[in-house]
Protein backbone atom coordinates (compact mmCIF):
# COMPACT_ATOMS: atom_id res chain seq x y z
CA MET A 1 127.32 -42.53 -234.91
CA ASP A 2 130.91 -41.47 -235.44
CA PRO A 3 132.43 -40.86 -231.98
CA SER A 4 134.78 -38.12 -233.14
CA THR A 5 132.41 -35.59 -234.69
CA GLY A 6 131.40 -32.17 -233.48
CA HIS A 7 131.85 -29.84 -230.56
CA GLY A 8 129.98 -30.03 -227.27
CA TYR A 9 127.35 -27.46 -226.35
CA HIS A 10 125.44 -27.28 -223.10
CA GLY A 11 123.59 -24.08 -222.33
CA ASN A 12 125.99 -21.27 -223.16
CA ASN A 13 129.09 -23.40 -222.69
CA LEU A 14 131.21 -24.40 -225.67
CA PHE A 15 133.86 -27.07 -225.18
CA SER A 16 136.06 -27.81 -228.15
CA ILE A 17 136.79 -31.49 -227.78
CA LEU A 18 138.52 -32.06 -231.07
CA SER A 19 142.05 -30.80 -231.49
CA ARG A 20 145.09 -31.78 -233.49
CA SER A 21 148.37 -33.08 -232.19
CA SER A 22 151.71 -32.01 -233.57
CA SER A 23 151.45 -34.85 -236.08
CA GLU A 24 148.05 -33.53 -237.25
CA ARG A 25 146.24 -36.51 -235.74
CA LYS A 26 142.92 -35.60 -234.19
CA VAL A 27 142.44 -35.92 -230.43
CA LEU A 28 139.09 -36.43 -228.71
CA THR A 29 139.07 -35.43 -225.02
CA LEU A 30 136.33 -36.66 -222.68
CA ASN A 31 135.76 -35.66 -219.06
CA VAL A 32 134.54 -38.60 -216.94
CA LEU A 33 133.17 -38.35 -213.39
CA LEU A 34 133.14 -41.42 -211.11
CA LEU A 35 130.43 -41.53 -208.44
CA GLY A 36 129.39 -44.19 -205.93
CA ASP A 37 129.24 -45.33 -202.33
CA ARG A 38 132.24 -46.52 -200.28
CA GLN A 39 133.70 -49.86 -201.34
CA SER A 40 131.65 -49.80 -204.54
CA GLY A 41 134.76 -50.05 -206.71
CA ARG A 42 134.88 -46.48 -208.04
CA SER A 43 138.66 -46.24 -207.93
CA SER A 44 139.10 -49.69 -209.51
CA VAL A 45 136.81 -48.66 -212.36
CA GLY A 46 138.92 -45.51 -212.72
CA ASN A 47 142.07 -47.62 -212.92
CA ALA A 48 140.46 -49.78 -215.60
CA LEU A 49 139.57 -46.69 -217.62
CA ILE A 50 143.07 -45.21 -217.56
CA GLY A 51 144.82 -48.57 -217.82
CA GLY A 52 146.89 -48.21 -214.66
CA GLN A 53 146.85 -48.41 -210.86
CA GLU A 54 147.18 -44.74 -209.97
CA PHE A 55 143.86 -44.41 -208.16
CA GLN A 56 144.20 -45.73 -204.63
CA THR A 57 142.13 -48.82 -203.85
CA GLY A 58 141.69 -51.05 -200.83
CA ALA A 59 139.41 -51.89 -197.95
CA CYS A 60 137.88 -49.24 -195.73
CA ILE A 61 139.54 -48.69 -192.38
CA SER A 62 137.00 -48.11 -189.60
CA GLY A 63 134.42 -47.27 -192.24
CA VAL A 64 136.60 -44.57 -193.84
CA SER A 65 137.00 -44.80 -197.62
CA MET A 66 140.47 -44.94 -199.18
CA THR A 67 139.38 -42.03 -201.39
CA THR A 68 138.90 -38.92 -199.24
CA GLU A 69 139.12 -36.17 -201.85
CA CYS A 70 138.53 -35.65 -205.56
CA ARG A 71 141.44 -36.60 -207.80
CA LEU A 72 141.88 -36.05 -211.53
CA LEU A 73 144.03 -38.26 -213.74
CA ARG A 74 144.57 -37.90 -217.48
CA ARG A 75 145.52 -40.62 -219.94
CA ASN A 76 145.95 -40.50 -223.71
CA PHE A 77 145.30 -43.52 -225.93
CA PRO A 78 147.02 -42.95 -229.31
CA GLY A 79 145.16 -44.13 -232.39
CA TYR A 80 142.22 -45.40 -230.34
CA PHE A 81 139.71 -45.17 -233.18
CA ARG A 82 139.57 -44.28 -236.85
CA ARG A 83 137.55 -41.59 -238.60
CA GLN A 84 137.40 -41.21 -242.35
CA GLY A 85 140.40 -43.47 -242.69
CA ALA A 86 142.57 -41.49 -240.25
CA GLU A 87 143.59 -42.46 -236.73
CA SER A 88 142.32 -40.37 -233.82
CA ASP A 89 143.58 -40.31 -230.23
CA LEU A 90 141.32 -40.61 -227.21
CA THR A 91 142.21 -38.64 -224.09
CA LEU A 92 140.29 -39.41 -220.89
CA ARG A 93 140.25 -37.00 -217.95
CA VAL A 94 138.91 -39.17 -215.11
CA ILE A 95 137.81 -37.68 -211.79
CA ASP A 96 137.62 -40.06 -208.84
CA THR A 97 135.52 -38.85 -205.90
CA PRO A 98 134.90 -39.64 -202.23
CA PRO A 99 131.84 -41.77 -201.38
CA LEU A 100 128.40 -40.53 -202.38
CA LEU A 101 128.38 -37.13 -204.09
CA PRO A 102 131.21 -34.57 -204.08
CA GLN A 103 130.74 -30.88 -203.54
CA PRO A 104 129.70 -29.21 -206.82
CA GLN A 105 132.29 -26.44 -206.54
CA ARG A 106 135.14 -28.95 -206.33
CA VAL A 107 133.94 -30.82 -209.41
CA HIS A 108 133.66 -27.53 -211.27
CA GLU A 109 137.21 -26.59 -210.28
CA LEU A 110 138.57 -29.83 -211.72
CA CYS A 111 136.30 -29.84 -214.74
CA PRO A 112 135.18 -26.29 -215.58
CA GLU A 113 134.29 -27.27 -219.16
CA GLY A 114 131.68 -29.76 -217.93
CA VAL A 115 131.29 -33.54 -217.72
CA HIS A 116 130.77 -35.71 -220.79
CA VAL A 117 130.04 -38.98 -218.99
CA VAL A 118 129.06 -39.86 -215.42
CA VAL A 119 130.01 -43.40 -214.37
CA LEU A 120 127.83 -44.43 -211.44
CA VAL A 121 129.46 -47.37 -209.64
CA LEU A 122 127.29 -49.48 -207.33
CA ARG A 123 127.49 -52.94 -205.78
CA ALA A 124 125.18 -55.58 -207.21
CA ASP A 125 125.30 -57.50 -203.92
CA LEU A 126 124.22 -54.48 -201.84
CA PRO A 127 121.31 -52.96 -203.79
CA HIS A 128 119.61 -51.59 -200.68
CA LEU A 129 122.34 -48.94 -200.36
CA ASN A 130 121.36 -47.25 -203.59
CA THR A 131 118.60 -44.85 -202.58
CA HIS A 132 117.79 -41.26 -203.62
CA LEU A 133 120.61 -41.23 -206.17
CA GLU A 134 118.43 -39.78 -208.90
CA GLU A 135 117.50 -36.81 -206.73
CA HIS A 136 121.13 -36.15 -205.82
CA LEU A 137 122.30 -36.36 -209.43
CA GLU A 138 119.56 -34.02 -210.59
CA THR A 139 120.59 -31.57 -207.90
CA LEU A 140 124.19 -31.73 -209.13
CA PHE A 141 123.55 -31.62 -212.89
CA GLY A 142 119.89 -30.96 -213.61
CA PRO A 143 117.43 -33.23 -215.42
CA GLU A 144 119.83 -34.08 -218.26
CA TRP A 145 122.06 -36.21 -216.01
CA CYS A 146 120.52 -39.53 -217.10
CA ARG A 147 121.43 -38.95 -220.77
CA HIS A 148 125.12 -38.85 -219.84
CA THR A 149 125.23 -41.65 -217.25
CA LEU A 150 126.48 -45.23 -217.38
CA LEU A 151 125.66 -47.58 -214.49
CA VAL A 152 128.38 -50.06 -213.48
CA LEU A 153 127.40 -52.84 -211.06
CA THR A 154 130.42 -54.45 -209.41
CA HIS A 155 130.58 -57.73 -207.44
CA ALA A 156 128.51 -59.40 -210.13
CA ASP A 157 130.19 -62.70 -209.20
CA HIS A 158 127.53 -62.96 -206.48
CA LEU A 159 124.97 -63.31 -209.26
CA LYS A 160 126.86 -66.29 -210.63
CA GLU A 161 126.91 -67.93 -207.21
CA ALA A 162 123.14 -67.49 -207.04
CA GLU A 163 122.80 -68.73 -210.65
CA LEU A 164 121.10 -65.47 -211.52
CA GLN A 165 121.38 -63.89 -214.97
CA PRO A 166 121.92 -60.10 -215.06
CA ALA A 167 118.61 -59.47 -216.85
CA VAL A 168 116.75 -61.51 -214.24
CA TYR A 169 118.61 -59.77 -211.42
CA LEU A 170 117.42 -56.38 -212.67
CA THR A 171 113.80 -57.55 -212.54
CA GLN A 172 114.19 -58.83 -208.97
CA THR A 173 116.34 -56.12 -207.41
CA THR A 174 115.11 -53.18 -205.33
CA ASP A 175 112.65 -50.75 -206.88
CA SER A 176 115.13 -47.88 -206.65
CA LEU A 177 117.95 -49.74 -208.42
CA ARG A 178 115.62 -51.10 -211.09
CA ALA A 179 114.28 -47.60 -211.76
CA LEU A 180 117.84 -46.25 -211.94
CA ALA A 181 118.89 -48.95 -214.42
CA GLU A 182 115.92 -48.11 -216.62
CA GLU A 183 116.60 -44.37 -216.48
CA VAL A 184 120.28 -44.17 -217.42
CA VAL A 185 120.78 -43.90 -221.17
CA GLY A 186 124.26 -45.47 -221.03
CA GLY A 187 122.83 -48.76 -219.82
CA VAL A 188 124.18 -51.19 -217.23
CA LEU A 189 127.55 -52.94 -217.21
CA PHE A 190 128.15 -55.83 -214.79
CA LEU A 191 131.68 -56.47 -213.49
CA ASP A 192 132.84 -59.71 -211.90
CA ASN A 193 135.17 -59.05 -208.96
CA SER A 194 136.37 -62.65 -208.85
CA CYS A 195 138.56 -62.08 -211.92
CA ASP A 196 141.14 -59.45 -212.80
CA TRP A 197 138.55 -57.23 -214.45
CA PRO A 198 140.37 -53.87 -214.16
CA SER A 199 142.90 -55.06 -216.73
CA ILE A 200 140.57 -56.98 -219.03
CA ARG A 201 137.58 -54.63 -218.83
CA GLY A 202 139.40 -51.39 -219.58
CA GLN A 203 138.75 -51.25 -223.30
CA PRO A 204 135.06 -52.33 -223.08
CA LEU A 205 134.53 -49.60 -220.49
CA ARG A 206 136.22 -47.00 -222.66
CA ASP A 207 134.23 -48.12 -225.68
CA ARG A 208 130.97 -47.75 -223.75
CA LEU A 209 131.94 -44.22 -222.69
CA LEU A 210 132.86 -43.30 -226.23
CA ARG A 211 129.54 -44.56 -227.64
CA LEU A 212 127.52 -42.78 -224.95
CA SER A 213 129.32 -39.48 -225.48
CA ALA A 214 128.90 -39.80 -229.25
CA ARG A 215 125.19 -40.43 -228.77
CA ASN A 216 125.05 -37.07 -226.99
CA HIS A 217 127.11 -35.42 -229.76
CA HIS A 218 129.81 -34.90 -227.11
CA THR A 219 127.77 -32.29 -225.25
CA VAL A 220 128.57 -31.79 -221.56
CA LEU A 221 126.74 -31.62 -218.27
CA THR A 222 127.30 -28.34 -216.45
CA VAL A 223 127.81 -28.61 -212.69
CA ARG A 224 125.35 -26.56 -210.66
CA THR A 225 127.78 -24.74 -208.40
CA GLU A 226 125.03 -22.71 -206.71
CA VAL A 227 123.73 -25.79 -204.84
CA SER A 228 125.20 -27.68 -201.91
CA ILE A 229 124.91 -31.41 -201.25
């Protein structure tokens, strides 16, 4: 599927994602929401996506996450892909969030048009922490959340130490994480924290987002602002 076609519809919302720059080159804009528990690597994944170090990362202090409020960063990638022989830009609007799930109203304020892709960041070495996520996501977005979600499992270097292949790990992990991995349409991406993956994994991450959004014809998830989490 061509990642640059169409406009996004969800319910009664229309979000025109294709525009033209001053040089007449098309621009595709995608809204990306990062979700996950503390120390899962959300902010590092955000840095990989935008190709920088603007999102604050680091160890928790007394159990308090470095990320305490939602933050939106925007980055344009000129000529990221080609369509019908012409170059098109990719613009990512990435929202980093505090641990667990943010308040719906705040997400809506930062992203009133809706969310194209949800990146759920969890730790492969701490699978027991990942419980009731499906229920929370459905509360935030409704039943369509899984069609727009990519699961990223960080600290995958622990699998190497245990000589465990990712596919085998998913069959042996907790029931809740295995069910989550099977439910998300965007699939599962494993990241090794023992290497400098934010710099080398940026483009593969962006490519996965682009393919997932194209699969959904660039439709968006609408935040349910009438609920509280």
